[in-house]
Amino acid sequence: MKQSLTRVNALRRDLVSPGRTVAENIELATLAERQGWGGFWVAETAGADAVATAAAVAARLQSARIGSAILPMQTRDPLLLAMAATTIGQVAPGGFVLGLGTSTQLIIEDWHATPWGSSPLELTRECVSLVRRFLGGERITTETGRWRYRRAQLASPPSASTPIYLAALNDRMLELAGEIADGVILNFVTVADVAHAKRLVSRGAERVGRDLEGFELIAFFRATVTDDYEEVRERYQRELFTYVMAPVYQRMFAREGHDDACREIEGLWRAGERQRALDRIPPALIGERTLIGTVDDIRDRLGAYARAGMDSSLVFPVAIPGRDYVGDCTRIIEALA
């Protein structure tokens, strides 16, 4: 019991960029640091450029780390990823964590006009290997794979090592993280999913005879401090819907009994019954994977995740619709400090 309490108390909490502009992100990140949050992470789809945002915020922090959760591997080649990691690392006071993921075919092919390419596992293994080699100062020529280099080299390798974390959901990617990564980032997960991920990461590490000392298991949460779920129900339904429609998330949700609901929701949406599709998202599917409730409720939930094996949480404040956006993000950041 004493060890469990120690683990819960030691749980690290980092902020995920909630700002709609760089200026808002600087304001909220510096506030979070003053309140004791441990770091600031950026995501990237089709909004703000993650590298520019991370560098701008890093320059205004005093001690916090910076991380990406995540940068898609298909939109930047490994040399460019190594360049970005090195550059941000020069200004991030607490260091930089390079979080990588495969994103989705819609984002990669439709939004970024970039080929999806080989299987996610092959692409991830190739990308991580090349990024590590570039960060180590190696001059690289490749004959096979997605990226064909000819004597490519990072001009100024970083003086300190750059940890590489992987976004992972399915079993094989979780095992691969245990084999080759320094940490894993989970998204929209339950307590049971965290325990499941921990087992698979350990299995991957055992396969290659690797010690997981220092390996970090992170869960990404959306969070709203409120005692009235109805204030945010539709906001969360709309976000979770995009994940319900993604096959990789459907498989994860099915593991805990939501397979029929996902199929029904997808069918309603494709039939044009969009409001009915949103209304069919089970409240449990949202409640089990987000942090919605009072401060005590959220702290209890985070404690359960910590006991299941989570080392750190990445928290994205979800403001209550209709309220001042920055003001409500500030309220949540201060409440969860």
C-alpha atoms as a PDB file:
ATOM      1  CA  MET A   1       0.000   0.000   0.000  1.00  0.00           C
ATOM      2  CA  LYS A   2       2.817   2.384   0.864  1.00  0.00           C
ATOM      3  CA  GLN A   3       4.452   1.761  -2.529  1.00  0.00           C
ATOM      4  CA  SER A   4       1.131   2.442  -4.315  1.00  0.00           C
ATOM      5  CA  LEU A   5       0.699   5.755  -2.497  1.00  0.00           C
ATOM      6  CA  THR A   6       4.270   6.723  -3.279  1.00  0.00           C
ATOM      7  CA  ARG A   7       3.677   6.000  -6.974  1.00  0.00           C
ATOM      8  CA  VAL A   8       0.488   8.075  -7.046  1.00  0.00           C
ATOM      9  CA  ASN A   9       2.142  11.013  -5.285  1.00  0.00           C
ATOM     10  CA  ALA A  10       5.099  10.873  -7.679  1.00  0.00           C
ATOM     11  CA  LEU A  11       2.895  10.948 -10.787  1.00  0.00           C
ATOM     12  CA  ARG A  12       4.067  13.564 -13.245  1.00  0.00           C
ATOM     13  CA  ARG A  13       1.520  15.845 -14.926  1.00  0.00           C
ATOM     14  CA  ASP A  14       2.312  17.712 -18.149  1.00  0.00           C
ATOM     15  CA  LEU A  15       0.169  20.132 -20.143  1.00  0.00           C
ATOM     16  CA  VAL A  16      -0.826  19.514 -23.763  1.00  0.00           C
ATOM     17  CA  SER A  17      -0.990  22.714 -25.822  1.00  0.00           C
ATOM     18  CA  PRO A  18      -4.527  24.058 -25.357  1.00  0.00           C
ATOM     19  CA  GLY A  19      -3.959  27.480 -26.901  1.00  0.00           C
ATOM     20  CA  ARG A  20      -5.545  28.459 -30.198  1.00  0.00           C
ATOM     21  CA  THR A  21      -2.557  30.709 -30.969  1.00  0.00           C
ATOM     22  CA  VAL A  22       1.121  30.707 -30.082  1.00  0.00           C
ATOM     23  CA  ALA A  23       0.531  33.631 -27.729  1.00  0.00           C
ATOM     24  CA  GLU A  24      -2.177  31.703 -25.867  1.00  0.00           C
ATOM     25  CA  ASN A  25       0.062  28.664 -25.601  1.00  0.00           C
ATOM     26  CA  ILE A  26       2.877  30.746 -24.126  1.00  0.00           C
ATOM     27  CA  GLU A  27       0.444  32.269 -21.614  1.00  0.00           C
ATOM     28  CA  LEU A  28      -1.015  28.923 -20.551  1.00  0.00           C
ATOM     29  CA  ALA A  29       2.301  27.053 -20.551  1.00  0.00           C
ATOM     30  CA  THR A  30       4.041  29.618 -18.341  1.00  0.00           C
ATOM     31  CA  LEU A  31       1.015  29.626 -16.025  1.00  0.00           C
ATOM     32  CA  ALA A  32       1.145  25.828 -15.774  1.00  0.00           C
ATOM     33  CA  GLU A  33       4.863  25.894 -15.007  1.00  0.00           C
ATOM     34  CA  ARG A  34       4.293  28.384 -12.192  1.00  0.00           C
ATOM     35  CA  GLN A  35       1.576  26.093 -10.868  1.00  0.00           C
ATOM     36  CA  GLY A  36       3.957  23.131 -10.765  1.00  0.00           C
ATOM     37  CA  TRP A  37       3.149  21.283 -13.971  1.00  0.00           C
ATOM     38  CA  GLY A  38       6.165  19.405 -15.283  1.00  0.00           C
ATOM     39  CA  GLY A  39       6.142  20.004 -19.021  1.00  0.00           C
ATOM     40  CA  PHE A  40       4.429  21.195 -22.182  1.00  0.00           C
ATOM     41  CA  TRP A  41       3.604  19.011 -25.198  1.00  0.00           C
ATOM     42  CA  VAL A  42       2.508  19.826 -28.732  1.00  0.00           C
ATOM     43  CA  ALA A  43       0.421  17.873 -31.203  1.00  0.00           C
ATOM     44  CA  GLU A  44       0.190  18.302 -34.965  1.00  0.00           C
ATOM     45  CA  THR A  45      -2.548  17.563 -37.485  1.00  0.00           C
ATOM     46  CA  ALA A  46      -3.584  20.550 -39.597  1.00  0.00           C
ATOM     47  CA  GLY A  47      -3.499  23.439 -37.135  1.00  0.00           C
ATOM     48  CA  ALA A  48      -0.448  25.016 -35.567  1.00  0.00           C
ATOM     49  CA  ASP A  49       2.971  23.841 -36.652  1.00  0.00           C
ATOM     50  CA  ALA A  50       4.219  21.780 -33.719  1.00  0.00           C
ATOM     51  CA  VAL A  51       7.928  22.554 -34.111  1.00  0.00           C
ATOM     52  CA  ALA A  52       7.431  26.329 -34.269  1.00  0.00           C
ATOM     53  CA  THR A  53       5.026  26.248 -31.331  1.00  0.00           C
ATOM     54  CA  ALA A  54       7.322  24.070 -29.229  1.00  0.00           C
ATOM     55  CA  ALA A  55      10.324  26.315 -29.848  1.00  0.00           C
ATOM     56  CA  ALA A  56       8.382  29.497 -29.094  1.00  0.00           C
ATOM     57  CA  VAL A  57       7.029  28.121 -25.811  1.00  0.00           C
ATOM     58  CA  ALA A  58      10.328  26.517 -24.799  1.00  0.00           C
ATOM     59  CA  ALA A  59      12.063  29.879 -24.998  1.00  0.00           C
ATOM     60  CA  ARG A  60       9.704  31.252 -22.333  1.00  0.00           C
ATOM     61  CA  LEU A  61       9.904  28.405 -19.808  1.00  0.00           C
ATOM     62  CA  GLN A  62      12.257  28.156 -16.847  1.00  0.00           C
ATOM     63  CA  SER A  63      12.557  24.435 -16.113  1.00  0.00           C
ATOM     64  CA  ALA A  64       9.820  22.409 -17.827  1.00  0.00           C
ATOM     65  CA  ARG A  65      10.435  19.839 -20.507  1.00  0.00           C
ATOM     66  CA  ILE A  66       8.955  20.025 -24.004  1.00  0.00           C
ATOM     67  CA  GLY A  67       7.583  17.080 -25.941  1.00  0.00           C
ATOM     68  CA  SER A  68       5.685  16.211 -29.103  1.00  0.00           C
ATOM     69  CA  ALA A  69       2.597  14.046 -28.848  1.00  0.00           C
ATOM     70  CA  ILE A  70       2.812  13.418 -31.630  1.00  0.00           C
ATOM     71  CA  LEU A  71       4.673  14.331 -34.802  1.00  0.00           C
ATOM     72  CA  PRO A  72       3.521  12.122 -37.717  1.00  0.00           C
ATOM     73  CA  MET A  73       6.436  10.196 -39.170  1.00  0.00           C
ATOM     74  CA  GLN A  74       5.197  10.506 -42.747  1.00  0.00           C
ATOM     75  CA  THR A  75       5.162  14.315 -42.913  1.00  0.00           C
ATOM     76  CA  ARG A  76       8.806  14.903 -41.907  1.00  0.00           C
ATOM     77  CA  ASP A  77      11.700  12.732 -42.983  1.00  0.00           C
ATOM     78  CA  PRO A  78      14.038  11.349 -40.279  1.00  0.00           C
ATOM     79  CA  LEU A  79      16.734  13.956 -40.924  1.00  0.00           C
ATOM     80  CA  LEU A  80      14.198  16.762 -40.559  1.00  0.00           C
ATOM     81  CA  LEU A  81      12.889  15.152 -37.357  1.00  0.00           C
ATOM     82  CA  ALA A  82      16.428  15.009 -35.990  1.00  0.00           C
ATOM     83  CA  MET A  83      16.973  18.656 -36.960  1.00  0.00           C
ATOM     84  CA  ALA A  84      13.750  19.686 -35.187  1.00  0.00           C
ATOM     85  CA  ALA A  85      14.581  17.702 -32.054  1.00  0.00           C
ATOM     86  CA  THR A  86      18.069  19.197 -31.899  1.00  0.00           C
ATOM     87  CA  THR A  87      16.817  22.746 -32.391  1.00  0.00           C
ATOM     88  CA  ILE A  88      14.055  22.562 -29.783  1.00  0.00           C
ATOM     89  CA  GLY A  89      16.427  20.815 -27.393  1.00  0.00           C
ATOM     90  CA  GLN A  90      18.713  23.848 -27.495  1.00  0.00           C
ATOM     91  CA  VAL A  91      16.039  26.084 -25.940  1.00  0.00           C
ATOM     92  CA  ALA A  92      13.934  23.643 -23.884  1.00  0.00           C
ATOM     93  CA  PRO A  93      15.125  24.073 -20.283  1.00  0.00           C
ATOM     94  CA  GLY A  94      13.996  20.599 -19.237  1.00  0.00           C
ATOM     95  CA  GLY A  95      14.975  18.883 -22.470  1.00  0.00           C
ATOM     96  CA  PHE A  96      12.948  17.699 -25.455  1.00  0.00           C
ATOM     97  CA  VAL A  97      11.106  14.397 -25.956  1.00  0.00           C
ATOM     98  CA  LEU A  98      10.500  13.406 -29.570  1.00  0.00           C
ATOM     99  CA  GLY A  99       7.102  11.701 -29.647  1.00  0.00           C
ATOM    100  CA  LEU A 100       6.378  10.005 -32.965  1.00  0.00           C
ATOM    101  CA  GLY A 101       3.352   8.261 -34.435  1.00  0.00           C
ATOM    102  CA  THR A 102       1.868   7.056 -37.697  1.00  0.00           C
ATOM    103  CA  SER A 103      -1.238   9.280 -37.496  1.00  0.00           C
ATOM    104  CA  THR A 104      -4.113   8.170 -39.780  1.00  0.00           C
ATOM    105  CA  GLN A 105      -4.470   7.641 -43.509  1.00  0.00           C
ATOM    106  CA  LEU A 106      -6.990  10.478 -43.721  1.00  0.00           C
ATOM    107  CA  ILE A 107      -4.569  12.976 -42.190  1.00  0.00           C
ATOM    108  CA  ILE A 108      -1.519  11.735 -44.094  1.00  0.00           C
ATOM    109  CA  GLU A 109      -2.994  11.086 -47.527  1.00  0.00           C
ATOM    110  CA  ASP A 110      -5.977  13.433 -47.747  1.00  0.00           C
ATOM    111  CA  TRP A 111      -4.742  16.397 -45.714  1.00  0.00           C
ATOM    112  CA  HIS A 112      -0.988  16.246 -46.343  1.00  0.00           C
ATOM    113  CA  ALA A 113      -0.982  14.677 -49.829  1.00  0.00           C
ATOM    114  CA  THR A 114       1.671  12.201 -48.702  1.00  0.00           C
ATOM    115  CA  PRO A 115       1.752   8.438 -49.360  1.00  0.00           C
ATOM    116  CA  TRP A 116       0.833   6.277 -46.375  1.00  0.00           C
ATOM    117  CA  GLY A 117       3.584   3.863 -47.387  1.00  0.00           C
ATOM    118  CA  SER A 118       4.587   0.590 -45.800  1.00  0.00           C
ATOM    119  CA  SER A 119       3.027  -1.052 -42.773  1.00  0.00           C
ATOM    120  CA  PRO A 120       3.017   1.106 -39.626  1.00  0.00           C
ATOM    121  CA  LEU A 121       5.375  -1.284 -37.853  1.00  0.00           C
ATOM    122  CA  GLU A 122       7.945  -1.289 -40.640  1.00  0.00           C
ATOM    123  CA  LEU A 123       7.751   2.466 -41.038  1.00  0.00           C
ATOM    124  CA  THR A 124       8.142   3.051 -37.296  1.00  0.00           C
ATOM    125  CA  ARG A 125      11.127   0.751 -36.938  1.00  0.00           C
ATOM    126  CA  GLU A 126      12.833   2.352 -39.948  1.00  0.00           C
ATOM    127  CA  CYS A 127      12.114   5.918 -38.847  1.00  0.00           C
ATOM    128  CA  VAL A 128      13.272   5.474 -35.247  1.00  0.00           C
ATOM    129  CA  SER A 129      16.468   3.772 -36.364  1.00  0.00           C
ATOM    130  CA  LEU A 130      17.319   6.551 -38.827  1.00  0.00           C
ATOM    131  CA  VAL A 131      16.493   9.370 -36.387  1.00  0.00           C
ATOM    132  CA  ARG A 132      18.737   7.807 -33.726  1.00  0.00           C
ATOM    133  CA  ARG A 133      21.551   7.441 -36.233  1.00  0.00           C
ATOM    134  CA  PHE A 134      21.239  11.070 -37.335  1.00  0.00           C
ATOM    135  CA  LEU A 135      21.130  12.281 -33.726  1.00  0.00           C
ATOM    136  CA  GLY A 136      24.284  10.262 -33.115  1.00  0.00           C
ATOM    137  CA  GLY A 137      26.103  12.170 -35.854  1.00  0.00           C
ATOM    138  CA  GLU A 138      26.259   9.352 -38.386  1.00  0.00           C
ATOM    139  CA  ARG A 139      26.523  10.040 -42.114  1.00  0.00           C
ATOM    140  CA  ILE A 140      23.852   7.890 -43.773  1.00  0.00           C
ATOM    141  CA  THR A 141      23.370   6.285 -47.157  1.00  0.00           C
ATOM    142  CA  THR A 142      20.398   3.956 -47.608  1.00  0.00           C
ATOM    143  CA  GLU A 143      19.572   1.504 -50.375  1.00  0.00           C
ATOM    144  CA  THR A 144      16.152   0.302 -49.244  1.00  0.00           C
ATOM    145  CA  GLY A 145      13.165   1.567 -47.287  1.00  0.00           C
ATOM    146  CA  ARG A 146      10.902   4.609 -47.483  1.00  0.00           C
ATOM    147  CA  TRP A 147      13.698   7.152 -47.158  1.00  0.00           C
ATOM    148  CA  ARG A 148      16.637   7.000 -49.597  1.00  0.00           C
ATOM    149  CA  TYR A 149      19.585   9.057 -48.346  1.00  0.00           C
ATOM    150  CA  ARG A 150      22.926   9.764 -49.995  1.00  0.00           C
ATOM    151  CA  ARG A 151      25.591  10.757 -47.475  1.00  0.00           C
ATOM    152  CA  ALA A 152      23.085  12.697 -45.372  1.00  0.00           C
ATOM    153  CA  GLN A 153      24.237  13.940 -41.974  1.00  0.00           C
ATOM    154  CA  LEU A 154      23.047  16.214 -39.176  1.00  0.00           C
ATOM    155  CA  ALA A 155      25.429  19.170 -39.166  1.00  0.00           C
ATOM    156  CA  SER A 156      25.425  19.691 -35.380  1.00  0.00           C
ATOM    157  CA  PRO A 157      24.280  16.649 -33.371  1.00  0.00           C
ATOM    158  CA  PRO A 158      22.879  17.417 -29.899  1.00  0.00           C
ATOM    159  CA  SER A 159      25.228  17.166 -26.937  1.00  0.00           C
ATOM    160  CA  ALA A 160      22.652  15.291 -24.872  1.00  0.00           C
ATOM    161  CA  SER A 161      20.625  12.257 -25.907  1.00  0.00           C
ATOM    162  CA  THR A 162      17.096  12.817 -27.199  1.00  0.00           C
ATOM    163  CA  PRO A 163      14.510  10.312 -25.937  1.00  0.00           C
ATOM    164  CA  ILE A 164      12.114   8.950 -28.555  1.00  0.00           C
ATOM    165  CA  TYR A 165       8.589   7.959 -27.514  1.00  0.00           C
ATOM    166  CA  LEU A 166       6.040   6.134 -29.649  1.00  0.00           C
ATOM    167  CA  ALA A 167       2.289   6.621 -29.834  1.00  0.00           C
ATOM    168  CA  ALA A 168       0.897   3.094 -29.655  1.00  0.00           C
ATOM    169  CA  LEU A 169      -2.514   1.447 -29.491  1.00  0.00           C
ATOM    170  CA  ASN A 170      -2.450  -2.018 -30.997  1.00  0.00           C
ATOM    171  CA  ASP A 171      -0.586  -4.935 -29.466  1.00  0.00           C
ATOM    172  CA  ARG A 172       2.217  -5.145 -31.999  1.00  0.00           C
ATOM    173  CA  MET A 173       3.021  -1.437 -31.775  1.00  0.00           C
ATOM    174  CA  LEU A 174       3.058  -1.632 -27.976  1.00  0.00           C
ATOM    175  CA  GLU A 175       5.524  -4.508 -28.141  1.00  0.00           C
ATOM    176  CA  LEU A 176       7.646  -2.566 -30.639  1.00  0.00           C
ATOM    177  CA  ALA A 177       7.750   0.362 -28.218  1.00  0.00           C
ATOM    178  CA  GLY A 178       9.148  -1.995 -25.624  1.00  0.00           C
ATOM    179  CA  GLU A 179      11.814  -3.065 -28.109  1.00  0.00           C
ATOM    180  CA  ILE A 180      13.044   0.253 -29.502  1.00  0.00           C
ATOM    181  CA  ALA A 181      11.559   3.311 -27.741  1.00  0.00           C
ATOM    182  CA  ASP A 182      12.266   5.241 -24.551  1.00  0.00           C
ATOM    183  CA  GLY A 183       8.608   5.645 -23.724  1.00  0.00           C
ATOM    184  CA  VAL A 184       5.085   5.075 -24.994  1.00  0.00           C
ATOM    185  CA  ILE A 185       2.151   7.499 -25.357  1.00  0.00           C
ATOM    186  CA  LEU A 186      -1.383   6.125 -24.996  1.00  0.00           C
ATOM    187  CA  ASN A 187      -4.521   7.993 -26.064  1.00  0.00           C
ATOM    188  CA  PHE A 188      -8.165   7.660 -24.954  1.00  0.00           C
ATOM    189  CA  VAL A 189      -7.388   4.698 -22.719  1.00  0.00           C
ATOM    190  CA  THR A 190      -9.023   3.113 -19.681  1.00  0.00           C
ATOM    191  CA  VAL A 191      -7.242   1.912 -16.573  1.00  0.00           C
ATOM    192  CA  ALA A 192      -7.451  -1.614 -17.990  1.00  0.00           C
ATOM    193  CA  ASP A 193      -5.853  -0.421 -21.248  1.00  0.00           C
ATOM    194  CA  VAL A 194      -2.888   0.941 -19.278  1.00  0.00           C
ATOM    195  CA  ALA A 195      -2.329  -2.392 -17.544  1.00  0.00           C
ATOM    196  CA  HIS A 196      -2.664  -4.146 -20.919  1.00  0.00           C
ATOM    197  CA  ALA A 197      -0.134  -1.789 -22.507  1.00  0.00           C
ATOM    198  CA  LYS A 198       2.347  -2.274 -19.678  1.00  0.00           C
ATOM    199  CA  ARG A 199       2.275  -6.052 -20.159  1.00  0.00           C
ATOM    200  CA  LEU A 200       2.861  -5.792 -23.897  1.00  0.00           C
ATOM    201  CA  VAL A 201       5.654  -3.232 -23.578  1.00  0.00           C
ATOM    202  CA  SER A 202       7.358  -5.592 -21.122  1.00  0.00           C
ATOM    203  CA  ARG A 203       6.897  -8.500 -23.535  1.00  0.00           C
ATOM    204  CA  GLY A 204       8.584  -6.532 -26.319  1.00  0.00           C
ATOM    205  CA  ALA A 205      11.490  -5.608 -24.061  1.00  0.00           C
ATOM    206  CA  GLU A 206      11.942  -9.216 -22.951  1.00  0.00           C
ATOM    207  CA  ARG A 207      12.041 -10.353 -26.575  1.00  0.00           C
ATOM    208  CA  VAL A 208      15.202  -8.310 -27.188  1.00  0.00           C
ATOM    209  CA  GLY A 209      16.669  -8.746 -23.704  1.00  0.00           C
ATOM    210  CA  ARG A 210      16.166  -5.108 -22.822  1.00  0.00           C
ATOM    211  CA  ASP A 211      15.955  -3.470 -19.401  1.00  0.00           C
ATOM    212  CA  LEU A 212      13.053  -0.990 -19.137  1.00  0.00           C
ATOM    213  CA  GLU A 213      14.720   1.118 -16.440  1.00  0.00           C
ATOM    214  CA  GLY A 214      13.753   4.738 -17.190  1.00  0.00           C
ATOM    215  CA  PHE A 215      11.056   3.789 -19.707  1.00  0.00           C
ATOM    216  CA  GLU A 216       8.062   6.149 -19.389  1.00  0.00           C
ATOM    217  CA  LEU A 217       4.445   5.083 -19.895  1.00  0.00           C
ATOM    218  CA  ILE A 218       2.297   8.144 -20.581  1.00  0.00           C
ATOM    219  CA  ALA A 219      -1.463   8.539 -21.012  1.00  0.00           C
ATOM    220  CA  PHE A 220      -2.991  11.471 -22.906  1.00  0.00           C
ATOM    221  CA  PHE A 221      -6.220  12.821 -21.373  1.00  0.00           C
ATOM    222  CA  ARG A 222      -8.807  15.453 -22.139  1.00  0.00           C
ATOM    223  CA  ALA A 223      -9.920  17.029 -18.867  1.00  0.00           C
ATOM    224  CA  THR A 224     -12.712  19.288 -17.641  1.00  0.00           C
ATOM    225  CA  VAL A 225     -13.273  20.218 -14.017  1.00  0.00           C
ATOM    226  CA  THR A 226     -17.062  20.294 -13.611  1.00  0.00           C
ATOM    227  CA  ASP A 227     -19.825  18.743 -11.526  1.00  0.00           C
ATOM    228  CA  ASP A 228     -22.246  18.825 -14.481  1.00  0.00           C
ATOM    229  CA  TYR A 229     -21.416  16.397 -17.307  1.00  0.00           C
ATOM    230  CA  GLU A 230     -24.154  17.898 -19.512  1.00  0.00           C
ATOM    231  CA  GLU A 231     -22.067  21.085 -19.804  1.00  0.00           C
ATOM    232  CA  VAL A 232     -19.527  19.233 -21.925  1.00  0.00           C
ATOM    233  CA  ARG A 233     -21.370  16.134 -23.185  1.00  0.00           C
ATOM    234  CA  GLU A 234     -21.762  17.253 -26.798  1.00  0.00           C
ATOM    235  CA  ARG A 235     -18.212  18.658 -26.934  1.00  0.00           C
ATOM    236  CA  TYR A 236     -16.772  15.284 -25.925  1.00  0.00           C
ATOM    237  CA  GLN A 237     -19.151  13.332 -28.153  1.00  0.00           C
ATOM    238  CA  ARG A 238     -17.961  15.258 -31.183  1.00  0.00           C
ATOM    239  CA  GLU A 239     -14.293  14.664 -30.442  1.00  0.00           C
ATOM    240  CA  LEU A 240     -14.649  11.012 -29.543  1.00  0.00           C
ATOM    241  CA  PHE A 241     -16.691  10.390 -32.677  1.00  0.00           C
ATOM    242  CA  THR A 242     -13.640  10.931 -34.886  1.00  0.00           C
ATOM    243  CA  TYR A 243     -11.891   8.134 -32.997  1.00  0.00           C
ATOM    244  CA  VAL A 244     -14.905   5.817 -33.074  1.00  0.00           C
ATOM    245  CA  MET A 245     -14.713   6.001 -36.888  1.00  0.00           C
ATOM    246  CA  ALA A 246     -11.030   4.973 -36.964  1.00  0.00           C
ATOM    247  CA  PRO A 247     -10.467   1.185 -37.262  1.00  0.00           C
ATOM    248  CA  VAL A 248      -7.454   1.112 -34.922  1.00  0.00           C
ATOM    249  CA  TYR A 249      -9.488   2.778 -32.160  1.00  0.00           C
ATOM    250  CA  GLN A 250     -12.516   0.605 -32.877  1.00  0.00           C
ATOM    251  CA  ARG A 251     -10.395  -2.450 -32.111  1.00  0.00           C
ATOM    252  CA  MET A 252      -9.244  -0.925 -28.842  1.00  0.00           C
ATOM    253  CA  PHE A 253     -12.787   0.061 -27.835  1.00  0.00           C
ATOM    254  CA  ALA A 254     -14.033  -3.423 -28.771  1.00  0.00           C
ATOM    255  CA  ARG A 255     -11.620  -4.934 -26.260  1.00  0.00           C
ATOM    256  CA  GLU A 256     -13.807  -3.486 -23.514  1.00  0.00           C
ATOM    257  CA  GLY A 257     -17.199  -4.294 -24.959  1.00  0.00           C
ATOM    258  CA  HIS A 258     -18.013  -1.346 -27.234  1.00  0.00           C
ATOM    259  CA  ASP A 259     -17.757  -3.128 -30.595  1.00  0.00           C
ATOM    260  CA  ASP A 260     -21.525  -3.142 -31.298  1.00  0.00           C
ATOM    261  CA  ALA A 261     -21.858   0.518 -30.341  1.00  0.00           C
ATOM    262  CA  CYS A 262     -19.013   1.529 -32.673  1.00  0.00           C
ATOM    263  CA  ARG A 263     -20.571  -0.356 -35.568  1.00  0.00           C
ATOM    264  CA  GLU A 264     -23.974   1.205 -34.922  1.00  0.00           C
ATOM    265  CA  ILE A 265     -22.508   4.707 -34.723  1.00  0.00           C
ATOM    266  CA  GLU A 266     -20.565   4.242 -37.949  1.00  0.00           C
ATOM    267  CA  GLY A 267     -23.660   2.909 -39.706  1.00  0.00           C
ATOM    268  CA  LEU A 268     -25.818   5.826 -38.583  1.00  0.00           C
ATOM    269  CA  TRP A 269     -23.216   8.351 -39.689  1.00  0.00           C
ATOM    270  CA  ARG A 270     -22.806   6.813 -43.119  1.00  0.00           C
ATOM    271  CA  ALA A 271     -26.605   6.789 -43.469  1.00  0.00           C
ATOM    272  CA  GLY A 272     -26.653  10.540 -42.889  1.00  0.00           C
ATOM    273  CA  GLU A 273     -28.157  10.364 -39.397  1.00  0.00           C
ATOM    274  CA  ARG A 274     -25.387  12.386 -37.838  1.00  0.00           C
ATOM    275  CA  GLN A 275     -27.070  13.641 -34.696  1.00  0.00           C
ATOM    276  CA  ARG A 276     -28.331  10.150 -33.874  1.00  0.00           C
ATOM    277  CA  ALA A 277     -24.801   8.838 -34.401  1.00  0.00           C
ATOM    278  CA  LEU A 278     -23.418  11.345 -31.889  1.00  0.00           C
ATOM    279  CA  ASP A 279     -26.180  10.603 -29.394  1.00  0.00           C
ATOM    280  CA  ARG A 280     -25.420   6.870 -29.568  1.00  0.00           C
ATOM    281  CA  ILE A 281     -21.893   7.313 -28.205  1.00  0.00           C
ATOM    282  CA  PRO A 282     -22.143   5.575 -24.824  1.00  0.00           C
ATOM    283  CA  PRO A 283     -21.465   7.880 -21.855  1.00  0.00           C
ATOM    284  CA  ALA A 284     -19.229   5.119 -20.457  1.00  0.00           C
ATOM    285  CA  LEU A 285     -17.055   5.219 -23.573  1.00  0.00           C
ATOM    286  CA  ILE A 286     -16.350   8.862 -22.810  1.00  0.00           C
ATOM    287  CA  GLY A 287     -16.263   8.695 -19.026  1.00  0.00           C
ATOM    288  CA  GLU A 288     -13.834   5.774 -18.860  1.00  0.00           C
ATOM    289  CA  ARG A 289     -11.289   7.508 -21.120  1.00  0.00           C
ATOM    290  CA  THR A 290     -11.403  11.165 -20.093  1.00  0.00           C
ATOM    291  CA  LEU A 291     -11.098  13.209 -16.927  1.00  0.00           C
ATOM    292  CA  ILE A 292     -14.486  14.833 -16.351  1.00  0.00           C
ATOM    293  CA  GLY A 293     -15.607  15.644 -12.829  1.00  0.00           C
ATOM    294  CA  THR A 294     -14.621  17.432  -9.677  1.00  0.00           C
ATOM    295  CA  VAL A 295     -10.985  17.888  -8.718  1.00  0.00           C
ATOM    296  CA  ASP A 296     -11.269  15.007  -6.246  1.00  0.00           C
ATOM    297  CA  ASP A 297     -12.868  12.786  -8.896  1.00  0.00           C
ATOM    298  CA  ILE A 298     -10.044  13.484 -11.325  1.00  0.00           C
ATOM    299  CA  ARG A 299      -7.315  12.949  -8.755  1.00  0.00           C
ATOM    300  CA  ASP A 300      -8.858   9.605  -7.795  1.00  0.00           C
ATOM    301  CA  ARG A 301      -8.980   8.580 -11.453  1.00  0.00           C
ATOM    302  CA  LEU A 302      -5.356   9.554 -12.010  1.00  0.00           C
ATOM    303  CA  GLY A 303      -4.426   7.536  -8.942  1.00  0.00           C
ATOM    304  CA  ALA A 304      -6.080   4.450 -10.436  1.00  0.00           C
ATOM    305  CA  TYR A 305      -4.151   4.951 -13.671  1.00  0.00           C
ATOM    306  CA  ALA A 306      -0.909   5.331 -11.732  1.00  0.00           C
ATOM    307  CA  ARG A 307      -1.512   2.095  -9.846  1.00  0.00           C
ATOM    308  CA  ALA A 308      -2.125   0.347 -13.183  1.00  0.00           C
ATOM    309  CA  GLY A 309       1.315   1.409 -14.414  1.00  0.00           C
ATOM    310  CA  MET A 310       1.050   4.954 -15.767  1.00  0.00           C
ATOM    311  CA  ASP A 311       4.142   7.061 -15.036  1.00  0.00           C
ATOM    312  CA  SER A 312       2.949  10.429 -16.345  1.00  0.00           C
ATOM    313  CA  SER A 313      -0.198  12.076 -17.642  1.00  0.00           C
ATOM    314  CA  LEU A 314      -0.531  14.519 -20.522  1.00  0.00           C
ATOM    315  CA  VAL A 315      -3.569  16.688 -19.857  1.00  0.00           C
ATOM    316  CA  PHE A 316      -5.418  18.766 -22.435  1.00  0.00           C
ATOM    317  CA  PRO A 317      -7.834  21.186 -20.724  1.00  0.00           C
ATOM    318  CA  VAL A 318     -11.242  21.149 -22.408  1.00  0.00           C
ATOM    319  CA  ALA A 319     -12.983  24.448 -21.720  1.00  0.00           C
ATOM    320  CA  ILE A 320     -16.721  24.439 -21.093  1.00  0.00           C
ATOM    321  CA  PRO A 321     -18.488  25.710 -24.247  1.00  0.00           C
ATOM    322  CA  GLY A 322     -19.822  29.220 -23.909  1.00  0.00           C
ATOM    323  CA  ARG A 323     -17.244  30.335 -21.367  1.00  0.00           C
ATOM    324  CA  ASP A 324     -14.202  32.496 -22.014  1.00  0.00           C
ATOM    325  CA  TYR A 325     -11.788  30.005 -23.545  1.00  0.00           C
ATOM    326  CA  VAL A 326      -8.472  31.082 -22.027  1.00  0.00           C
ATOM    327  CA  GLY A 327     -10.129  31.866 -18.731  1.00  0.00           C
ATOM    328  CA  ASP A 328     -11.664  28.407 -18.442  1.00  0.00           C
ATOM    329  CA  CYS A 329      -8.419  26.677 -19.489  1.00  0.00           C
ATOM    330  CA  THR A 330      -6.710  28.695 -16.758  1.00  0.00           C
ATOM    331  CA  ARG A 331      -9.314  27.539 -14.248  1.00  0.00           C
ATOM    332  CA  ILE A 332      -8.704  23.869 -15.123  1.00  0.00           C
ATOM    333  CA  ILE A 333      -4.911  24.219 -15.097  1.00  0.00           C
ATOM    334  CA  GLU A 334      -4.966  25.840 -11.659  1.00  0.00           C
ATOM    335  CA  ALA A 335      -7.486  23.347 -10.273  1.00  0.00           C
ATOM    336  CA  LEU A 336      -5.409  20.343 -11.361  1.00  0.00           C
ATOM    337  CA  ALA A 337      -2.037  21.777 -10.377  1.00  0.00           C
END
